[in-house]
Amino acid sequence: MNIGKEVLIAANCYIIDANHNYKSNLLPIRLQGFNVKPVILYDGVWAGTNTTILPGATIFEGAIIGANSLVSSSISMNMIAFGSPAKEVKSRFDK
């Protein structure tokens, strides 16, 4: 996990960089190890309340993630994104 400078992470956010492996039906899931994918939050990101950021997600500089959103991929620089899954809605600088 890599968190840049001046990042705002609101209350009740989850940043998850690993999931359980589950391919075998011969072993309990808890014994199958983990699949780790880094999460990157670049400088100036703001993650709103109750945001969940999943393994492999990258949120580029200055992006804003709306409350109660689920980020499962990349969010472009200076974009406002929200929803489940989070989708880019507009640039922070659009009028």
Protein backbone atom coordinates (compact mmCIF):
# COMPACT_ATOMS: atom_id res chain seq x y z
CA MET A 1 0.00 0.00 0.00
CA ASN A 2 1.28 3.44 -0.89
CA ILE A 3 -0.38 6.60 0.46
CA GLY A 4 0.85 9.96 -0.81
CA LYS A 5 1.05 13.37 0.85
CA GLU A 6 -1.97 15.44 1.91
CA VAL A 7 -4.36 12.49 1.53
CA LEU A 8 -7.68 12.77 3.36
CA ILE A 9 -9.26 9.51 4.54
CA ALA A 10 -12.63 10.07 6.20
CA ALA A 11 -14.22 7.98 8.94
CA ASN A 12 -15.07 4.31 8.42
CA CYS A 13 -12.98 3.84 5.26
CA TYR A 14 -11.56 0.44 4.37
CA ILE A 15 -8.42 0.10 2.29
CA ILE A 16 -7.85 -3.55 1.43
CA ASP A 17 -4.78 -4.84 -0.41
CA ALA A 18 -5.36 -8.61 -0.22
CA ASN A 19 -8.04 -11.25 -0.71
CA HIS A 20 -8.17 -14.89 0.31
CA ASN A 21 -7.42 -17.48 -2.34
CA TYR A 22 -10.32 -19.90 -2.83
CA LYS A 23 -9.67 -22.09 -5.91
CA SER A 24 -9.24 -25.41 -4.09
CA ASN A 25 -12.20 -27.37 -2.82
CA LEU A 26 -9.81 -29.64 -0.88
CA LEU A 27 -8.67 -26.98 1.61
CA PRO A 28 -10.58 -24.55 3.78
CA ILE A 29 -10.37 -21.02 2.39
CA ARG A 30 -8.48 -19.85 5.49
CA LEU A 31 -5.60 -22.22 4.62
CA GLN A 32 -5.24 -21.23 0.95
CA GLY A 33 -3.21 -18.08 1.46
CA PHE A 34 -3.69 -14.61 0.07
CA ASN A 35 -3.55 -12.78 -3.24
CA VAL A 36 -1.98 -9.36 -2.63
CA LYS A 37 -2.42 -6.45 -5.05
CA PRO A 38 -1.05 -3.04 -4.06
CA VAL A 39 -3.33 -0.07 -3.49
CA ILE A 40 -1.97 3.36 -4.43
CA LEU A 41 -3.41 6.69 -3.28
CA TYR A 42 -1.48 9.54 -4.87
CA ASP A 43 -1.01 13.02 -3.38
CA GLY A 44 -4.08 15.07 -2.54
CA VAL A 45 -6.68 12.28 -2.76
CA TRP A 46 -9.82 12.59 -0.64
CA ALA A 47 -11.70 9.40 0.23
CA GLY A 48 -15.15 10.17 1.64
CA THR A 49 -16.85 8.50 4.59
CA ASN A 50 -17.52 4.75 4.32
CA THR A 51 -15.41 4.37 1.18
CA THR A 52 -14.06 0.90 0.42
CA ILE A 53 -10.93 0.66 -1.73
CA LEU A 54 -10.22 -2.83 -3.04
CA PRO A 55 -6.95 -4.59 -3.94
CA GLY A 56 -5.28 -3.25 -7.07
CA ALA A 57 -7.06 0.11 -7.02
CA THR A 58 -5.11 3.24 -7.96
CA ILE A 59 -6.46 6.71 -7.24
CA PHE A 60 -4.46 9.42 -8.98
CA GLU A 61 -3.55 12.92 -7.75
CA GLY A 62 -6.33 15.18 -6.54
CA ALA A 63 -9.19 12.72 -7.09
CA ILE A 64 -12.22 12.80 -4.80
CA ILE A 65 -14.12 9.64 -3.93
CA GLY A 66 -17.70 10.23 -2.78
CA ALA A 67 -19.06 8.80 0.46
CA ASN A 68 -20.21 5.17 0.46
CA SER A 69 -18.30 4.36 -2.74
CA LEU A 70 -16.54 1.16 -3.75
CA VAL A 71 -13.30 1.67 -5.71
CA SER A 72 -12.22 -1.45 -7.58
CA SER A 73 -10.01 -0.04 -10.37
CA SER A 74 -8.31 3.26 -11.29
CA ILE A 75 -9.64 6.78 -10.82
CA SER A 76 -8.00 9.47 -12.98
CA MET A 77 -6.27 12.59 -11.74
CA ASN A 78 -8.55 15.36 -10.41
CA MET A 79 -11.74 13.40 -11.07
CA ILE A 80 -14.75 13.12 -8.79
CA ALA A 81 -15.97 9.54 -8.62
CA PHE A 82 -18.70 7.83 -6.66
CA GLY A 83 -20.98 4.82 -6.63
CA SER A 84 -20.63 1.09 -6.33
CA PRO A 85 -18.50 0.54 -8.27
CA ALA A 86 -17.16 4.09 -8.32
CA LYS A 87 -17.38 5.79 -11.70
CA GLU A 88 -15.78 9.05 -12.74
CA VAL A 89 -18.50 11.72 -12.94
CA LYS A 90 -16.65 14.95 -13.65
CA SER A 91 -13.41 16.82 -13.14
CA ARG A 92 -12.95 18.81 -9.97
CA PHE A 93 -12.43 21.84 -12.19
CA ASP A 94 -15.55 21.59 -14.38
CA LYS A 95 -18.04 24.40 -13.93
